[in-house]
Amino acid sequence: TASDPEEGLDTLMELARVPEVDSAVVAIAGNVDLDGNVIDATNLPEWNGFKLASALKRRLMVPVLVYNDAELAALGEAIYGAGKDMAVVAYIGLGTGVGTACIKEGAIEPGVSGGEVRERIITLASGGTLEELLGGRSLTEQYGIPPEQLPPKVWKELTPLLAEGIHNAILQFAPDVVVLGGSLVNE
């Protein structure tokens, strides 16, 4: 994703060049308010404060909804995947960062309400968060190599942290199932 929001929109517009677009749903790795404005995007700080939904509406001339990427991944799992037919689905996405979301009765429990970010950070007993300890950016800083190149021994050492994070997600969301996803989940 381009650092500059306008460049990012140019890329999205190229991808949206299909004969007919009636509406669009967009995911971003960050918190967005109910109007589709980016509150904060840790990996894309230049996007903070960007009115993404309205900018896309102007370009596409169709209704646009913007959600956090983990929220849409969780919704997909709740409707079509591992959480199908379950009342409450918790999702933990391990990638560049760690995204969490909760789906209740087929609807996204918003991570942002009235412009305020709701607490969905999974904190561990050490006081650290899953993001700080298992996020791809953090692992790269800690080990000096991309997380995909970490040896199995390191992943085995990190597994208890993930288990604690899953336990804490269960306490926080009271789900019927916890789904793990993201680019690092298979590591």
C-alpha atoms as a PDB file:
ATOM      1  CA  THR A   1       0.000   0.000   0.000  1.00  0.00           C
ATOM      2  CA  ALA A   2       1.323   3.413  -0.922  1.00  0.00           C
ATOM      3  CA  SER A   3       2.366   5.642   1.973  1.00  0.00           C
ATOM      4  CA  ASP A   4       0.582   8.607   0.408  1.00  0.00           C
ATOM      5  CA  PRO A   5      -3.230   8.272   0.607  1.00  0.00           C
ATOM      6  CA  GLU A   6      -3.814   9.825  -2.837  1.00  0.00           C
ATOM      7  CA  GLU A   7      -1.366   7.358  -4.425  1.00  0.00           C
ATOM      8  CA  GLY A   8      -3.157   4.553  -2.587  1.00  0.00           C
ATOM      9  CA  LEU A   9      -6.472   5.744  -4.014  1.00  0.00           C
ATOM     10  CA  ASP A  10      -4.968   5.779  -7.514  1.00  0.00           C
ATOM     11  CA  THR A  11      -4.038   2.108  -7.049  1.00  0.00           C
ATOM     12  CA  LEU A  12      -7.509   1.269  -5.736  1.00  0.00           C
ATOM     13  CA  MET A  13      -9.052   3.007  -8.731  1.00  0.00           C
ATOM     14  CA  GLU A  14      -6.956   0.882 -11.108  1.00  0.00           C
ATOM     15  CA  LEU A  15      -8.164  -2.257  -9.309  1.00  0.00           C
ATOM     16  CA  ALA A  16     -11.785  -1.054  -9.445  1.00  0.00           C
ATOM     17  CA  ARG A  17     -11.757  -0.660 -13.216  1.00  0.00           C
ATOM     18  CA  VAL A  18     -14.452  -3.161 -14.009  1.00  0.00           C
ATOM     19  CA  PRO A  19     -17.469  -2.570 -16.243  1.00  0.00           C
ATOM     20  CA  GLU A  20     -19.819  -1.761 -13.375  1.00  0.00           C
ATOM     21  CA  VAL A  21     -19.337  -1.032  -9.698  1.00  0.00           C
ATOM     22  CA  ASP A  22     -22.526  -0.614  -7.650  1.00  0.00           C
ATOM     23  CA  SER A  23     -20.847  -0.221  -4.260  1.00  0.00           C
ATOM     24  CA  ALA A  24     -17.507  -0.824  -2.559  1.00  0.00           C
ATOM     25  CA  VAL A  25     -16.334  -2.212   0.756  1.00  0.00           C
ATOM     26  CA  VAL A  26     -12.723  -1.440   1.632  1.00  0.00           C
ATOM     27  CA  ALA A  27     -10.484  -2.798   4.385  1.00  0.00           C
ATOM     28  CA  ILE A  28      -7.530  -0.974   5.920  1.00  0.00           C
ATOM     29  CA  ALA A  29      -5.087  -2.113   8.578  1.00  0.00           C
ATOM     30  CA  GLY A  30      -6.057   0.547  11.082  1.00  0.00           C
ATOM     31  CA  ASN A  31      -8.910   1.954  13.077  1.00  0.00           C
ATOM     32  CA  VAL A  32     -11.667   3.745  11.198  1.00  0.00           C
ATOM     33  CA  ASP A  33     -14.648   5.623  12.538  1.00  0.00           C
ATOM     34  CA  LEU A  34     -18.249   4.944  11.565  1.00  0.00           C
ATOM     35  CA  ASP A  35     -17.959   7.447   8.670  1.00  0.00           C
ATOM     36  CA  GLY A  36     -14.981   5.620   7.130  1.00  0.00           C
ATOM     37  CA  ASN A  37     -12.337   8.116   8.255  1.00  0.00           C
ATOM     38  CA  VAL A  38      -8.964   6.642   9.230  1.00  0.00           C
ATOM     39  CA  ILE A  39      -8.338   7.310  12.913  1.00  0.00           C
ATOM     40  CA  ASP A  40      -4.974   5.617  13.052  1.00  0.00           C
ATOM     41  CA  ALA A  41      -3.126   3.195  10.818  1.00  0.00           C
ATOM     42  CA  THR A  42       0.040   2.118  12.594  1.00  0.00           C
ATOM     43  CA  ASN A  43       1.718   0.867   9.428  1.00  0.00           C
ATOM     44  CA  LEU A  44       0.485   3.804   7.305  1.00  0.00           C
ATOM     45  CA  PRO A  45       0.808   6.894   9.518  1.00  0.00           C
ATOM     46  CA  GLU A  46       0.318   9.236   6.541  1.00  0.00           C
ATOM     47  CA  TRP A  47      -3.251   7.890   6.290  1.00  0.00           C
ATOM     48  CA  ASN A  48      -4.135   8.999   9.850  1.00  0.00           C
ATOM     49  CA  GLY A  49      -7.060  11.410   9.656  1.00  0.00           C
ATOM     50  CA  PHE A  50      -7.704  10.644   5.968  1.00  0.00           C
ATOM     51  CA  LYS A  51     -11.379  10.654   4.963  1.00  0.00           C
ATOM     52  CA  LEU A  52     -11.082   7.395   3.022  1.00  0.00           C
ATOM     53  CA  ALA A  53     -14.764   6.594   2.462  1.00  0.00           C
ATOM     54  CA  SER A  54     -15.667  10.067   1.189  1.00  0.00           C
ATOM     55  CA  ALA A  55     -12.575  10.223  -1.049  1.00  0.00           C
ATOM     56  CA  LEU A  56     -13.504   6.876  -2.617  1.00  0.00           C
ATOM     57  CA  LYS A  57     -17.162   7.908  -2.985  1.00  0.00           C
ATOM     58  CA  ARG A  58     -16.049  10.979  -4.947  1.00  0.00           C
ATOM     59  CA  ARG A  59     -13.886   8.882  -7.268  1.00  0.00           C
ATOM     60  CA  LEU A  60     -16.155   5.857  -7.697  1.00  0.00           C
ATOM     61  CA  MET A  61     -19.485   7.699  -7.442  1.00  0.00           C
ATOM     62  CA  VAL A  62     -21.033   4.774  -5.539  1.00  0.00           C
ATOM     63  CA  PRO A  63     -21.697   4.048  -1.853  1.00  0.00           C
ATOM     64  CA  VAL A  64     -18.512   3.063   0.020  1.00  0.00           C
ATOM     65  CA  LEU A  65     -18.009   1.430   3.415  1.00  0.00           C
ATOM     66  CA  VAL A  66     -14.604   1.235   5.108  1.00  0.00           C
ATOM     67  CA  TYR A  67     -13.731  -1.240   7.855  1.00  0.00           C
ATOM     68  CA  ASN A  68     -10.700  -2.462   9.710  1.00  0.00           C
ATOM     69  CA  ASP A  69      -9.117  -5.401   7.852  1.00  0.00           C
ATOM     70  CA  ALA A  70      -9.431  -7.788  10.816  1.00  0.00           C
ATOM     71  CA  GLU A  71     -13.143  -6.960  11.071  1.00  0.00           C
ATOM     72  CA  LEU A  72     -13.748  -8.002   7.465  1.00  0.00           C
ATOM     73  CA  ALA A  73     -11.586 -11.111   7.824  1.00  0.00           C
ATOM     74  CA  ALA A  74     -13.607 -12.047  10.915  1.00  0.00           C
ATOM     75  CA  LEU A  75     -16.871 -11.438   9.079  1.00  0.00           C
ATOM     76  CA  GLY A  76     -15.728 -13.693   6.239  1.00  0.00           C
ATOM     77  CA  GLU A  77     -14.840 -16.434   8.707  1.00  0.00           C
ATOM     78  CA  ALA A  78     -18.190 -16.023  10.486  1.00  0.00           C
ATOM     79  CA  ILE A  79     -20.199 -16.290   7.278  1.00  0.00           C
ATOM     80  CA  TYR A  80     -18.163 -18.696   5.135  1.00  0.00           C
ATOM     81  CA  GLY A  81     -15.330 -20.112   7.222  1.00  0.00           C
ATOM     82  CA  ALA A  82     -14.422 -21.663  10.534  1.00  0.00           C
ATOM     83  CA  GLY A  83     -17.054 -19.658  12.402  1.00  0.00           C
ATOM     84  CA  LYS A  84     -19.974 -20.446  10.114  1.00  0.00           C
ATOM     85  CA  ASP A  85     -23.223 -20.937  12.045  1.00  0.00           C
ATOM     86  CA  MET A  86     -21.644 -19.809  15.331  1.00  0.00           C
ATOM     87  CA  ALA A  87     -23.136 -16.954  17.370  1.00  0.00           C
ATOM     88  CA  VAL A  88     -19.861 -15.305  18.452  1.00  0.00           C
ATOM     89  CA  VAL A  89     -16.629 -15.480  16.456  1.00  0.00           C
ATOM     90  CA  ALA A  90     -13.372 -13.979  17.686  1.00  0.00           C
ATOM     91  CA  TYR A  91     -10.602 -13.395  15.153  1.00  0.00           C
ATOM     92  CA  ILE A  92      -6.888 -12.826  15.664  1.00  0.00           C
ATOM     93  CA  GLY A  93      -4.917 -11.889  12.559  1.00  0.00           C
ATOM     94  CA  LEU A  94      -1.142 -12.240  12.729  1.00  0.00           C
ATOM     95  CA  GLY A  95       0.683 -10.244  10.068  1.00  0.00           C
ATOM     96  CA  THR A  96       2.662  -7.012  10.013  1.00  0.00           C
ATOM     97  CA  GLY A  97       0.750  -6.263  13.193  1.00  0.00           C
ATOM     98  CA  VAL A  98      -1.891  -8.147  15.142  1.00  0.00           C
ATOM     99  CA  GLY A  99      -5.529  -7.370  14.408  1.00  0.00           C
ATOM    100  CA  THR A 100      -8.459  -8.583  16.448  1.00  0.00           C
ATOM    101  CA  ALA A 101     -12.182  -8.506  15.817  1.00  0.00           C
ATOM    102  CA  CYS A 102     -15.415  -9.993  17.075  1.00  0.00           C
ATOM    103  CA  ILE A 103     -18.547 -10.974  15.173  1.00  0.00           C
ATOM    104  CA  LYS A 104     -21.800 -11.403  17.100  1.00  0.00           C
ATOM    105  CA  GLU A 105     -24.837 -12.923  15.414  1.00  0.00           C
ATOM    106  CA  GLY A 106     -23.350 -12.212  11.975  1.00  0.00           C
ATOM    107  CA  ALA A 107     -22.581  -8.537  12.645  1.00  0.00           C
ATOM    108  CA  ILE A 108     -19.257  -6.803  13.223  1.00  0.00           C
ATOM    109  CA  GLU A 109     -18.808  -5.530  16.745  1.00  0.00           C
ATOM    110  CA  PRO A 110     -17.291  -2.189  15.784  1.00  0.00           C
ATOM    111  CA  GLY A 111     -13.792  -1.465  17.026  1.00  0.00           C
ATOM    112  CA  VAL A 112     -14.622   2.224  16.915  1.00  0.00           C
ATOM    113  CA  SER A 113     -17.725   3.836  18.334  1.00  0.00           C
ATOM    114  CA  GLY A 114     -18.427   7.546  17.981  1.00  0.00           C
ATOM    115  CA  GLY A 115     -14.845   8.159  16.890  1.00  0.00           C
ATOM    116  CA  GLU A 116     -13.393   6.463  19.984  1.00  0.00           C
ATOM    117  CA  VAL A 117     -11.321   3.320  19.565  1.00  0.00           C
ATOM    118  CA  ARG A 118     -12.746   0.506  21.683  1.00  0.00           C
ATOM    119  CA  GLU A 119     -10.213  -1.605  23.517  1.00  0.00           C
ATOM    120  CA  ARG A 120      -9.495  -4.740  21.488  1.00  0.00           C
ATOM    121  CA  ILE A 121      -5.808  -5.013  22.217  1.00  0.00           C
ATOM    122  CA  ILE A 122      -4.872  -8.390  23.622  1.00  0.00           C
ATOM    123  CA  THR A 123      -2.609  -7.771  26.630  1.00  0.00           C
ATOM    124  CA  LEU A 124      -0.475 -10.508  28.132  1.00  0.00           C
ATOM    125  CA  ALA A 125       0.551 -11.093  31.753  1.00  0.00           C
ATOM    126  CA  SER A 126       3.956  -9.590  30.988  1.00  0.00           C
ATOM    127  CA  GLY A 127       2.201  -6.296  30.266  1.00  0.00           C
ATOM    128  CA  GLY A 128       3.110  -6.517  26.594  1.00  0.00           C
ATOM    129  CA  THR A 129       0.569  -6.946  23.832  1.00  0.00           C
ATOM    130  CA  LEU A 130       0.304  -9.538  21.082  1.00  0.00           C
ATOM    131  CA  GLU A 131       1.081  -6.705  18.648  1.00  0.00           C
ATOM    132  CA  GLU A 132       4.327  -5.864  20.458  1.00  0.00           C
ATOM    133  CA  LEU A 133       5.430  -9.469  20.897  1.00  0.00           C
ATOM    134  CA  LEU A 134       4.106 -11.314  17.810  1.00  0.00           C
ATOM    135  CA  GLY A 135       3.463  -8.646  15.183  1.00  0.00           C
ATOM    136  CA  GLY A 136       5.612  -9.058  12.086  1.00  0.00           C
ATOM    137  CA  ARG A 137       7.157  -5.593  12.363  1.00  0.00           C
ATOM    138  CA  SER A 138       8.073  -6.232  16.000  1.00  0.00           C
ATOM    139  CA  LEU A 139       9.545  -9.661  15.222  1.00  0.00           C
ATOM    140  CA  THR A 140      11.641  -8.191  12.410  1.00  0.00           C
ATOM    141  CA  GLU A 141      13.015  -5.557  14.791  1.00  0.00           C
ATOM    142  CA  GLN A 142      13.645  -8.130  17.507  1.00  0.00           C
ATOM    143  CA  TYR A 143      15.351 -10.793  15.351  1.00  0.00           C
ATOM    144  CA  GLY A 144      16.748  -8.705  12.486  1.00  0.00           C
ATOM    145  CA  ILE A 145      15.114 -10.829   9.773  1.00  0.00           C
ATOM    146  CA  PRO A 146      11.613 -11.070   8.320  1.00  0.00           C
ATOM    147  CA  PRO A 147       9.391 -13.322  10.462  1.00  0.00           C
ATOM    148  CA  GLU A 148       8.879 -15.710   7.538  1.00  0.00           C
ATOM    149  CA  GLN A 149      12.597 -16.532   7.820  1.00  0.00           C
ATOM    150  CA  LEU A 150      12.574 -17.278  11.540  1.00  0.00           C
ATOM    151  CA  PRO A 151      13.556 -20.855  12.359  1.00  0.00           C
ATOM    152  CA  PRO A 152      10.943 -23.259  13.762  1.00  0.00           C
ATOM    153  CA  LYS A 153      12.735 -23.147  17.137  1.00  0.00           C
ATOM    154  CA  VAL A 154      11.834 -19.454  17.536  1.00  0.00           C
ATOM    155  CA  TRP A 155       8.197 -20.066  16.617  1.00  0.00           C
ATOM    156  CA  LYS A 156       8.066 -22.884  19.156  1.00  0.00           C
ATOM    157  CA  GLU A 157       9.390 -20.473  21.815  1.00  0.00           C
ATOM    158  CA  LEU A 158       6.740 -17.890  20.824  1.00  0.00           C
ATOM    159  CA  THR A 159       3.830 -20.365  20.907  1.00  0.00           C
ATOM    160  CA  PRO A 160       3.081 -19.876  24.640  1.00  0.00           C
ATOM    161  CA  LEU A 161       2.617 -16.137  23.995  1.00  0.00           C
ATOM    162  CA  LEU A 162       0.082 -16.896  21.284  1.00  0.00           C
ATOM    163  CA  ALA A 163      -1.669 -19.405  23.553  1.00  0.00           C
ATOM    164  CA  GLU A 164      -1.918 -16.749  26.276  1.00  0.00           C
ATOM    165  CA  GLY A 165      -3.253 -14.269  23.726  1.00  0.00           C
ATOM    166  CA  ILE A 166      -5.917 -16.739  22.594  1.00  0.00           C
ATOM    167  CA  HIS A 167      -6.866 -17.368  26.226  1.00  0.00           C
ATOM    168  CA  ASN A 168      -7.214 -13.633  26.830  1.00  0.00           C
ATOM    169  CA  ALA A 169      -9.280 -13.220  23.646  1.00  0.00           C
ATOM    170  CA  ILE A 170     -11.629 -15.902  24.969  1.00  0.00           C
ATOM    171  CA  LEU A 171     -11.969 -13.982  28.237  1.00  0.00           C
ATOM    172  CA  GLN A 172     -12.537 -10.705  26.382  1.00  0.00           C
ATOM    173  CA  PHE A 173     -14.979 -11.841  23.680  1.00  0.00           C
ATOM    174  CA  ALA A 174     -16.573 -15.040  25.124  1.00  0.00           C
ATOM    175  CA  PRO A 175     -16.663 -16.571  21.622  1.00  0.00           C
ATOM    176  CA  ASP A 176     -17.912 -19.894  20.371  1.00  0.00           C
ATOM    177  CA  VAL A 177     -14.702 -20.122  18.337  1.00  0.00           C
ATOM    178  CA  VAL A 178     -11.413 -18.240  17.959  1.00  0.00           C
ATOM    179  CA  VAL A 179     -10.127 -18.099  14.388  1.00  0.00           C
ATOM    180  CA  LEU A 180      -6.460 -17.417  13.641  1.00  0.00           C
ATOM    181  CA  GLY A 181      -5.621 -15.788  10.332  1.00  0.00           C
ATOM    182  CA  GLY A 182      -3.143 -13.480   8.681  1.00  0.00           C
ATOM    183  CA  SER A 183       0.073 -13.930   6.774  1.00  0.00           C
ATOM    184  CA  LEU A 184       2.041 -15.320   9.742  1.00  0.00           C
ATOM    185  CA  VAL A 185      -0.457 -17.807  11.116  1.00  0.00           C
ATOM    186  CA  ASN A 186       1.096 -20.737   9.244  1.00  0.00           C
ATOM    187  CA  GLU A 187       4.570 -19.891  10.496  1.00  0.00           C
END
